């Protein structure tokens, strides 16, 4: 009798973990979808030289590190659109 109760408890515990994984996967997919959408918006803004988007997109503490130094948010926004982007492709592997 004790073995049956123990087996039932294990099955209940295992099934609750499985249900939790399904919900977590859906939540992660939603976050992933939001991140991909923001990334696409950022590339479109770069192509269209939309500095307002970058000003709002980056946090005030944002910085980029390049081979010749570090730039802060104001420098990033100022230099945004300096190059010509005619098209882009985002590969999602």
PDB file of N, CA and C in Angstrom:
ATOM      1  N   UNK A   1       0.812  -1.190   0.000  1.00  0.00           N
ATOM      2  CA  UNK A   1       0.000   0.000   0.000  1.00  0.00           C
ATOM      3  C   UNK A   1       0.860   1.261   0.000  1.00  0.00           C
ATOM      4  N   UNK A   2       1.943   1.239   0.808  1.00  0.00           N
ATOM      5  CA  UNK A   2       2.841   2.384   0.852  1.00  0.00           C
ATOM      6  C   UNK A   2       3.500   2.618  -0.501  1.00  0.00           C
ATOM      7  N   UNK A   3       3.821   1.527  -1.216  1.00  0.00           N
ATOM      8  CA  UNK A   3       4.457   1.659  -2.522  1.00  0.00           C
ATOM      9  C   UNK A   3       3.504   2.328  -3.516  1.00  0.00           C
ATOM     10  N   UNK A   4       2.228   2.013  -3.456  1.00  0.00           N
ATOM     11  CA  UNK A   4       1.245   2.597  -4.369  1.00  0.00           C
ATOM     12  C   UNK A   4       1.099   4.092  -4.087  1.00  0.00           C
ATOM     13  N   UNK A   5       1.054   4.463  -2.821  1.00  0.00           N
ATOM     14  CA  UNK A   5       0.936   5.879  -2.453  1.00  0.00           C
ATOM     15  C   UNK A   5       2.190   6.634  -2.898  1.00  0.00           C
ATOM     16  N   UNK A   6       3.352   6.031  -2.698  1.00  0.00           N
ATOM     17  CA  UNK A   6       4.607   6.666  -3.105  1.00  0.00           C
ATOM     18  C   UNK A   6       4.657   6.822  -4.626  1.00  0.00           C
ATOM     19  N   UNK A   7       4.252   5.806  -5.363  1.00  0.00           N
ATOM     20  CA  UNK A   7       4.230   5.866  -6.816  1.00  0.00           C
ATOM     21  C   UNK A   7       3.257   6.952  -7.302  1.00  0.00           C
ATOM     22  N   UNK A   8       2.102   7.048  -6.680  1.00  0.00           N
ATOM     23  CA  UNK A   8       1.122   8.075  -7.042  1.00  0.00           C
ATOM     24  C   UNK A   8       1.686   9.468  -6.784  1.00  0.00           C
ATOM     25  N   UNK A   9       2.374   9.650  -5.669  1.00  0.00           N
ATOM     26  CA  UNK A   9       2.964  10.950  -5.336  1.00  0.00           C
ATOM     27  C   UNK A   9       4.038  11.331  -6.364  1.00  0.00           C
ATOM     28  N   UNK A  10       4.838  10.381  -6.780  1.00  0.00           N
ATOM     29  CA  UNK A  10       5.883  10.639  -7.778  1.00  0.00           C
ATOM     30  C   UNK A  10       5.251  11.011  -9.120  1.00  0.00           C
ATOM     31  N   UNK A  11       4.196  10.291  -9.513  1.00  0.00           N
ATOM     32  CA  UNK A  11       3.525  10.593 -10.777  1.00  0.00           C
ATOM     33  C   UNK A  11       2.903  11.983 -10.759  1.00  0.00           C
ATOM     34  N   UNK A  12       2.292  12.363  -9.661  1.00  0.00           N
ATOM     35  CA  UNK A  12       1.696  13.699  -9.548  1.00  0.00           C
ATOM     36  C   UNK A  12       2.786  14.767  -9.623  1.00  0.00           C
ATOM     37  N   UNK A  13       3.881  14.543  -8.917  1.00  0.00           N
ATOM     38  CA  UNK A  13       4.980  15.511  -8.941  1.00  0.00           C
ATOM     39  C   UNK A  13       5.569  15.633 -10.342  1.00  0.00           C
ATOM     40  N   UNK A  14       5.755  14.522 -11.020  1.00  0.00           N
ATOM     41  CA  UNK A  14       6.328  14.546 -12.367  1.00  0.00           C
ATOM     42  C   UNK A  14       5.386  15.234 -13.356  1.00  0.00           C
ATOM     43  N   UNK A  15       4.097  14.998 -13.218  1.00  0.00           N
ATOM     44  CA  UNK A  15       3.163  15.624 -14.156  1.00  0.00           C
ATOM     45  C   UNK A  15       3.077  17.128 -13.939  1.00  0.00           C
ATOM     46  N   UNK A  16       3.208  17.593 -12.710  1.00  0.00           N
ATOM     47  CA  UNK A  16       3.165  19.036 -12.474  1.00  0.00           C
ATOM     48  C   UNK A  16       4.394  19.730 -13.062  1.00  0.00           C
ATOM     49  N   UNK A  17       5.538  19.066 -13.061  1.00  0.00           N
ATOM     50  CA  UNK A  17       6.739  19.618 -13.678  1.00  0.00           C
ATOM     51  C   UNK A  17       6.551  19.709 -15.197  1.00  0.00           C
ATOM     52  N   UNK A  18       5.956  18.705 -15.784  1.00  0.00           N
ATOM     53  CA  UNK A  18       5.731  18.703 -17.231  1.00  0.00           C
ATOM     54  C   UNK A  18       4.803  19.849 -17.630  1.00  0.00           C
ATOM     55  N   UNK A  19       3.754  20.102 -16.869  1.00  0.00           N
ATOM     56  CA  UNK A  19       2.857  21.216 -17.174  1.00  0.00           C
ATOM     57  C   UNK A  19       3.580  22.549 -17.033  1.00  0.00           C
ATOM     58  N   UNK A  20       4.433  22.669 -16.048  1.00  0.00           N
ATOM     59  CA  UNK A  20       5.194  23.896 -15.859  1.00  0.00           C
ATOM     60  C   UNK A  20       6.128  24.178 -17.017  1.00  0.00           C
ATOM     61  N   UNK A  21       6.716  23.148 -17.600  1.00  0.00           N
ATOM     62  CA  UNK A  21       7.614  23.333 -18.732  1.00  0.00           C
ATOM     63  C   UNK A  21       6.863  23.862 -19.946  1.00  0.00           C
ATOM     64  N   UNK A  22       5.660  23.405 -20.158  1.00  0.00           N
ATOM     65  CA  UNK A  22       4.874  23.886 -21.298  1.00  0.00           C
ATOM     66  C   UNK A  22       4.590  25.371 -21.156  1.00  0.00           C
ATOM     67  N   UNK A  23       4.192  25.818 -19.986  1.00  0.00           N
ATOM     68  CA  UNK A  23       3.913  27.230 -19.769  1.00  0.00           C
ATOM     69  C   UNK A  23       5.179  28.060 -19.924  1.00  0.00           C
ATOM     70  N   UNK A  24       6.266  27.571 -19.409  1.00  0.00           N
ATOM     71  CA  UNK A  24       7.534  28.286 -19.506  1.00  0.00           C
ATOM     72  C   UNK A  24       7.966  28.430 -20.958  1.00  0.00           C
ATOM     73  N   UNK A  25       7.793  27.383 -21.737  1.00  0.00           N
ATOM     74  CA  UNK A  25       8.175  27.426 -23.149  1.00  0.00           C
ATOM     75  C   UNK A  25       7.351  28.486 -23.885  1.00  0.00           C
ATOM     76  N   UNK A  26       6.041  28.561 -23.594  1.00  0.00           N
ATOM     77  CA  UNK A  26       5.196  29.568 -24.227  1.00  0.00           C
ATOM     78  C   UNK A  26       5.636  30.969 -23.836  1.00  0.00           C
ATOM     79  N   UNK A  27       5.985  31.161 -22.577  1.00  0.00           N
ATOM     80  CA  UNK A  27       6.433  32.476 -22.107  1.00  0.00           C
ATOM     81  C   UNK A  27       7.740  32.851 -22.782  1.00  0.00           C
ATOM     82  N   UNK A  28       8.657  31.899 -22.905  1.00  0.00           N
ATOM     83  CA  UNK A  28       9.932  32.171 -23.568  1.00  0.00           C
ATOM     84  C   UNK A  28       9.713  32.509 -25.034  1.00  0.00           C
ATOM     85  N   UNK A  29       8.775  31.828 -25.673  1.00  0.00           N
ATOM     86  CA  UNK A  29       8.488  32.101 -27.074  1.00  0.00           C
ATOM     87  C   UNK A  29       7.967  33.525 -27.235  1.00  0.00           C
ATOM     88  N   UNK A  30       7.139  33.974 -26.307  1.00  0.00           N
ATOM     89  CA  UNK A  30       6.606  35.336 -26.360  1.00  0.00           C
ATOM     90  C   UNK A  30       7.732  36.352 -26.204  1.00  0.00           C
ATOM     91  N   UNK A  31       8.633  36.128 -25.279  1.00  0.00           N
ATOM     92  CA  UNK A  31       9.776  37.023 -25.077  1.00  0.00           C
ATOM     93  C   UNK A  31      10.671  36.998 -26.311  1.00  0.00           C
ATOM     94  N   UNK A  32      10.896  35.816 -26.852  1.00  0.00           N
ATOM     95  CA  UNK A  32      11.718  35.693 -28.052  1.00  0.00           C
ATOM     96  C   UNK A  32      11.091  36.468 -29.211  1.00  0.00           C
ATOM     97  N   UNK A  33       9.790  36.371 -29.363  1.00  0.00           N
ATOM     98  CA  UNK A  33       9.086  37.093 -30.425  1.00  0.00           C
ATOM     99  C   UNK A  33       9.229  38.599 -30.248  1.00  0.00           C
ATOM    100  N   UNK A  34       9.131  39.067 -29.015  1.00  0.00           N
ATOM    101  CA  UNK A  34       9.282  40.498 -28.735  1.00  0.00           C
ATOM    102  C   UNK A  34      10.699  40.979 -29.039  1.00  0.00           C
ATOM    103  N   UNK A  35      11.692  40.194 -28.673  1.00  0.00           N
ATOM    104  CA  UNK A  35      13.087  40.573 -28.921  1.00  0.00           C
ATOM    105  C   UNK A  35      13.359  40.627 -30.421  1.00  0.00           C
ATOM    106  N   UNK A  36      12.869  39.648 -31.158  1.00  0.00           N
ATOM    107  CA  UNK A  36      13.063  39.632 -32.610  1.00  0.00           C
ATOM    108  C   UNK A  36      12.388  40.841 -33.246  1.00  0.00           C
ATOM    109  N   UNK A  37      11.183  41.184 -32.790  1.00  0.00           N
ATOM    110  CA  UNK A  37      10.475  42.356 -33.332  1.00  0.00           C
ATOM    111  C   UNK A  37      11.261  43.642 -33.068  1.00  0.00           C
ATOM    112  N   UNK A  38      11.810  43.780 -31.858  1.00  0.00           N
ATOM    113  CA  UNK A  38      12.618  44.962 -31.544  1.00  0.00           C
ATOM    114  C   UNK A  38      13.881  45.022 -32.399  1.00  0.00           C
ATOM    115  N   UNK A  39      14.502  43.879 -32.613  1.00  0.00           N
ATOM    116  CA  UNK A  39      15.709  43.840 -33.435  1.00  0.00           C
ATOM    117  C   UNK A  39      15.397  44.277 -34.869  1.00  0.00           C
ATOM    118  N   UNK A  40      14.275  43.801 -35.397  1.00  0.00           N
ATOM    119  CA  UNK A  40      13.873  44.205 -36.750  1.00  0.00           C
ATOM    120  C   UNK A  40      13.596  45.704 -36.806  1.00  0.00           C
ATOM    121  N   UNK A  41      12.941  46.236 -35.779  1.00  0.00           N
ATOM    122  CA  UNK A  41      12.677  47.680 -35.731  1.00  0.00           C
ATOM    123  C   UNK A  41      13.982  48.465 -35.702  1.00  0.00           C
ATOM    124  N   UNK A  42      14.962  47.973 -34.950  1.00  0.00           N
ATOM    125  CA  UNK A  42      16.250  48.666 -34.859  1.00  0.00           C
ATOM    126  C   UNK A  42      16.958  48.684 -36.213  1.00  0.00           C
ATOM    127  N   UNK A  43      16.953  47.568 -36.922  1.00  0.00           N
ATOM    128  CA  UNK A  43      17.592  47.532 -38.237  1.00  0.00           C
ATOM    129  C   UNK A  43      16.861  48.441 -39.225  1.00  0.00           C
ATOM    130  N   UNK A  44      15.547  48.449 -39.166  1.00  0.00           N
ATOM    131  CA  UNK A  44      14.768  49.317 -40.051  1.00  0.00           C
ATOM    132  C   UNK A  44      15.063  50.784 -39.734  1.00  0.00           C
ATOM    133  N   UNK A  45      15.185  51.100 -38.442  1.00  0.00           N
ATOM    134  CA  UNK A  45      15.522  52.470 -38.038  1.00  0.00           C
ATOM    135  C   UNK A  45      16.905  52.853 -38.541  1.00  0.00           C
ATOM    136  N   UNK A  46      17.855  51.934 -38.474  1.00  0.00           N
ATOM    137  CA  UNK A  46      19.206  52.211 -38.966  1.00  0.00           C
ATOM    138  C   UNK A  46      19.176  52.466 -40.465  1.00  0.00           C
ATOM    139  N   UNK A  47      18.440  51.625 -41.190  1.00  0.00           N
ATOM    140  CA  UNK A  47      18.337  51.785 -42.648  1.00  0.00           C
ATOM    141  C   UNK A  47      17.715  53.145 -42.993  1.00  0.00           C
ATOM    142  N   UNK A  48      16.715  53.569 -42.206  1.00  0.00           N
ATOM    143  CA  UNK A  48      16.007  54.833 -42.470  1.00  0.00           C
ATOM    144  C   UNK A  48      16.615  56.029 -41.737  1.00  0.00           C
ATOM    145  N   UNK A  49      17.741  55.793 -41.053  1.00  0.00           N
ATOM    146  CA  UNK A  49      18.454  56.841 -40.308  1.00  0.00           C
ATOM    147  C   UNK A  49      17.552  57.546 -39.303  1.00  0.00           C
ATOM    148  N   UNK A  50      16.770  56.752 -38.578  1.00  0.00           N
ATOM    149  CA  UNK A  50      15.812  57.253 -37.600  1.00  0.00           C
ATOM    150  C   UNK A  50      16.485  57.379 -36.229  1.00  0.00           C
ATOM    151  N   UNK A  51      17.051  58.532 -35.962  1.00  0.00           N
ATOM    152  CA  UNK A  51      17.764  58.753 -34.692  1.00  0.00           C
ATOM    153  C   UNK A  51      16.825  58.771 -33.494  1.00  0.00           C
ATOM    154  N   UNK A  52      15.583  59.180 -33.687  1.00  0.00           N
ATOM    155  CA  UNK A  52      14.624  59.199 -32.572  1.00  0.00           C
ATOM    156  C   UNK A  52      14.405  57.799 -32.018  1.00  0.00           C
ATOM    157  N   UNK A  53      14.340  56.813 -32.909  1.00  0.00           N
ATOM    158  CA  UNK A  53      14.172  55.434 -32.451  1.00  0.00           C
ATOM    159  C   UNK A  53      15.349  55.018 -31.583  1.00  0.00           C
ATOM    160  N   UNK A  54      16.552  55.317 -32.046  1.00  0.00           N
ATOM    161  CA  UNK A  54      17.754  54.928 -31.302  1.00  0.00           C
ATOM    162  C   UNK A  54      17.805  55.638 -29.954  1.00  0.00           C
ATOM    163  N   UNK A  55      17.419  56.891 -29.937  1.00  0.00           N
ATOM    164  CA  UNK A  55      17.409  57.664 -28.689  1.00  0.00           C
ATOM    165  C   UNK A  55      16.505  56.986 -27.653  1.00  0.00           C
ATOM    166  N   UNK A  56      15.373  56.456 -28.103  1.00  0.00           N
ATOM    167  CA  UNK A  56      14.426  55.798 -27.189  1.00  0.00           C
ATOM    168  C   UNK A  56      14.749  54.327 -26.977  1.00  0.00           C
ATOM    169  N   UNK A  57      15.385  53.683 -27.938  1.00  0.00           N
ATOM    170  CA  UNK A  57      15.676  52.248 -27.904  1.00  0.00           C
ATOM    171  C   UNK A  57      16.797  51.929 -26.920  1.00  0.00           C
ATOM    172  N   UNK A  58      17.839  52.736 -26.916  1.00  0.00           N
ATOM    173  CA  UNK A  58      18.992  52.477 -26.055  1.00  0.00           C
ATOM    174  C   UNK A  58      18.767  53.032 -24.657  1.00  0.00           C
ATOM    175  N   UNK A  59      19.301  52.338 -23.671  1.00  0.00           N
ATOM    176  CA  UNK A  59      19.251  52.867 -22.306  1.00  0.00           C
ATOM    177  C   UNK A  59      20.263  54.008 -22.184  1.00  0.00           C
ATOM    178  N   UNK A  60      20.100  54.830 -21.164  1.00  0.00           N
ATOM    179  CA  UNK A  60      21.017  55.953 -20.962  1.00  0.00           C
ATOM    180  C   UNK A  60      22.438  55.480 -20.680  1.00  0.00           C
ATOM    181  N   UNK A  61      22.589  54.253 -20.178  1.00  0.00           N
ATOM    182  CA  UNK A  61      23.913  53.716 -19.850  1.00  0.00           C
ATOM    183  C   UNK A  61      24.531  52.940 -21.015  1.00  0.00           C
ATOM    184  N   UNK A  62      23.901  52.936 -22.187  1.00  0.00           N
ATOM    185  CA  UNK A  62      24.389  52.153 -23.322  1.00  0.00           C
ATOM    186  C   UNK A  62      25.755  52.650 -23.785  1.00  0.00           C
ATOM    187  N   UNK A  63      26.566  51.702 -24.218  1.00  0.00           N
ATOM    188  CA  UNK A  63      27.855  52.045 -24.825  1.00  0.00           C
ATOM    189  C   UNK A  63      28.236  50.954 -25.811  1.00  0.00           C
ATOM    190  N   UNK A  64      28.976  51.339 -26.830  1.00  0.00           N
ATOM    191  CA  UNK A  64      29.502  50.395 -27.812  1.00  0.00           C
ATOM    192  C   UNK A  64      31.015  50.382 -27.674  1.00  0.00           C
ATOM    193  N   UNK A  65      31.599  49.212 -27.835  1.00  0.00           N
ATOM    194  CA  UNK A  65      33.048  49.066 -27.773  1.00  0.00           C
ATOM    195  C   UNK A  65      33.537  48.716 -29.177  1.00  0.00           C
ATOM    196  N   UNK A  66      34.421  49.533 -29.693  1.00  0.00           N
ATOM    197  CA  UNK A  66      35.004  49.330 -31.017  1.00  0.00           C
ATOM    198  C   UNK A  66      36.505  49.110 -30.869  1.00  0.00           C
ATOM    199  N   UNK A  67      37.148  48.785 -31.944  1.00  0.00           N
ATOM    200  CA  UNK A  67      38.590  48.573 -31.927  1.00  0.00           C
ATOM    201  C   UNK A  67      39.364  49.819 -31.558  1.00  0.00           C
ATOM    202  N   UNK A  68      38.783  50.982 -31.840  1.00  0.00           N
ATOM    203  CA  UNK A  68      39.490  52.232 -31.543  1.00  0.00           C
ATOM    204  C   UNK A  68      38.952  52.957 -30.314  1.00  0.00           C
ATOM    205  N   UNK A  69      38.086  52.314 -29.550  1.00  0.00           N
ATOM    206  CA  UNK A  69      37.624  52.940 -28.313  1.00  0.00           C
ATOM    207  C   UNK A  69      36.177  52.626 -27.973  1.00  0.00           C
ATOM    208  N   UNK A  70      35.679  53.358 -26.987  1.00  0.00           N
ATOM    209  CA  UNK A  70      34.330  53.162 -26.463  1.00  0.00           C
ATOM    210  C   UNK A  70      33.509  54.411 -26.746  1.00  0.00           C
ATOM    211  N   UNK A  71      32.248  54.228 -27.155  1.00  0.00           N
ATOM    212  CA  UNK A  71      31.361  55.366 -27.375  1.00  0.00           C
ATOM    213  C   UNK A  71      30.155  55.259 -26.450  1.00  0.00           C
ATOM    214  N   UNK A  72      29.681  56.396 -25.960  1.00  0.00           N
ATOM    215  CA  UNK A  72      28.506  56.401 -25.099  1.00  0.00           C
ATOM    216  C   UNK A  72      27.254  56.650 -25.939  1.00  0.00           C
ATOM    217  N   UNK A  73      26.096  56.723 -25.281  1.00  0.00           N
ATOM    218  CA  UNK A  73      24.827  56.843 -25.982  1.00  0.00           C
ATOM    219  C   UNK A  73      24.771  58.090 -26.869  1.00  0.00           C
ATOM    220  N   UNK A  74      25.226  59.217 -26.379  1.00  0.00           N
ATOM    221  CA  UNK A  74      25.148  60.445 -27.176  1.00  0.00           C
ATOM    222  C   UNK A  74      25.967  60.320 -28.461  1.00  0.00           C
ATOM    223  N   UNK A  75      27.137  59.689 -28.364  1.00  0.00           N
ATOM    224  CA  UNK A  75      27.969  59.486 -29.553  1.00  0.00           C
ATOM    225  C   UNK A  75      27.339  58.481 -30.515  1.00  0.00           C
ATOM    226  N   UNK A  76      26.685  57.463 -29.955  1.00  0.00           N
ATOM    227  CA  UNK A  76      26.017  56.460 -30.781  1.00  0.00           C
ATOM    228  C   UNK A  76      24.897  57.125 -31.584  1.00  0.00           C
ATOM    229  N   UNK A  77      24.066  57.911 -30.894  1.00  0.00           N
ATOM    230  CA  UNK A  77      22.946  58.584 -31.559  1.00  0.00           C
ATOM    231  C   UNK A  77      23.462  59.568 -32.609  1.00  0.00           C
ATOM    232  N   UNK A  78      24.503  60.300 -32.268  1.00  0.00           N
ATOM    233  CA  UNK A  78      25.076  61.284 -33.191  1.00  0.00           C
ATOM    234  C   UNK A  78      25.596  60.609 -34.460  1.00  0.00           C
ATOM    235  N   UNK A  79      26.238  59.466 -34.318  1.00  0.00           N
ATOM    236  CA  UNK A  79      26.805  58.769 -35.462  1.00  0.00           C
ATOM    237  C   UNK A  79      25.843  57.837 -36.170  1.00  0.00           C
ATOM    238  N   UNK A  80      24.645  57.702 -35.629  1.00  0.00           N
ATOM    239  CA  UNK A  80      23.669  56.778 -36.198  1.00  0.00           C
ATOM    240  C   UNK A  80      23.245  57.243 -37.583  1.00  0.00           C
ATOM    241  N   UNK A  81      23.301  56.364 -38.538  1.00  0.00           N
ATOM    242  CA  UNK A  81      22.929  56.700 -39.902  1.00  0.00           C
ATOM    243  C   UNK A  81      24.080  57.221 -40.737  1.00  0.00           C
ATOM    244  N   UNK A  82      25.295  57.146 -40.194  1.00  0.00           N
ATOM    245  CA  UNK A  82      26.457  57.648 -40.931  1.00  0.00           C
ATOM    246  C   UNK A  82      26.754  56.792 -42.162  1.00  0.00           C
ATOM    247  N   UNK A  83      26.382  55.532 -42.119  1.00  0.00           N
ATOM    248  CA  UNK A  83      26.602  54.683 -43.286  1.00  0.00           C
ATOM    249  C   UNK A  83      25.269  54.389 -43.976  1.00  0.00           C
ATOM    250  N   UNK A  84      25.340  54.038 -45.224  1.00  0.00           N
ATOM    251  CA  UNK A  84      24.150  53.791 -46.035  1.00  0.00           C
ATOM    252  C   UNK A  84      23.782  52.308 -45.964  1.00  0.00           C
ATOM    253  N   UNK A  85      22.587  52.008 -45.455  1.00  0.00           N
ATOM    254  CA  UNK A  85      22.071  50.644 -45.420  1.00  0.00           C
ATOM    255  C   UNK A  85      20.979  50.551 -46.482  1.00  0.00           C
ATOM    256  N   UNK A  86      21.227  49.753 -47.510  1.00  0.00           N
ATOM    257  CA  UNK A  86      20.230  49.598 -48.573  1.00  0.00           C
ATOM    258  C   UNK A  86      19.303  48.423 -48.299  1.00  0.00           C
ATOM    259  N   UNK A  87      19.838  47.387 -47.689  1.00  0.00           N
ATOM    260  CA  UNK A  87      19.021  46.233 -47.333  1.00  0.00           C
ATOM    261  C   UNK A  87      19.731  45.463 -46.229  1.00  0.00           C
ATOM    262  N   UNK A  88      18.999  44.576 -45.609  1.00  0.00           N
ATOM    263  CA  UNK A  88      19.559  43.736 -44.556  1.00  0.00           C
ATOM    264  C   UNK A  88      18.779  42.427 -44.515  1.00  0.00           C
ATOM    265  N   UNK A  89      19.377  41.445 -43.905  1.00  0.00           N
ATOM    266  CA  UNK A  89      18.747  40.132 -43.769  1.00  0.00           C
ATOM    267  C   UNK A  89      19.085  39.603 -42.395  1.00  0.00           C
ATOM    268  N   UNK A  90      18.088  39.191 -41.640  1.00  0.00           N
ATOM    269  CA  UNK A  90      18.297  38.614 -40.323  1.00  0.00           C
ATOM    270  C   UNK A  90      18.062  37.113 -40.425  1.00  0.00           C
ATOM    271  N   UNK A  91      19.076  36.348 -40.101  1.00  0.00           N
ATOM    272  CA  UNK A  91      18.995  34.900 -40.146  1.00  0.00           C
ATOM    273  C   UNK A  91      18.676  34.374 -38.759  1.00  0.00           C
ATOM    274  N   UNK A  92      17.652  33.591 -38.635  1.00  0.00           N
ATOM    275  CA  UNK A  92      17.251  33.065 -37.328  1.00  0.00           C
ATOM    276  C   UNK A  92      17.486  31.553 -37.303  1.00  0.00           C
ATOM    277  N   UNK A  93      18.666  31.174 -36.856  1.00  0.00           N
ATOM    278  CA  UNK A  93      19.001  29.739 -36.747  1.00  0.00           C
ATOM    279  C   UNK A  93      18.911  29.277 -35.341  1.00  0.00           C
TER     280      UNK A  93
END
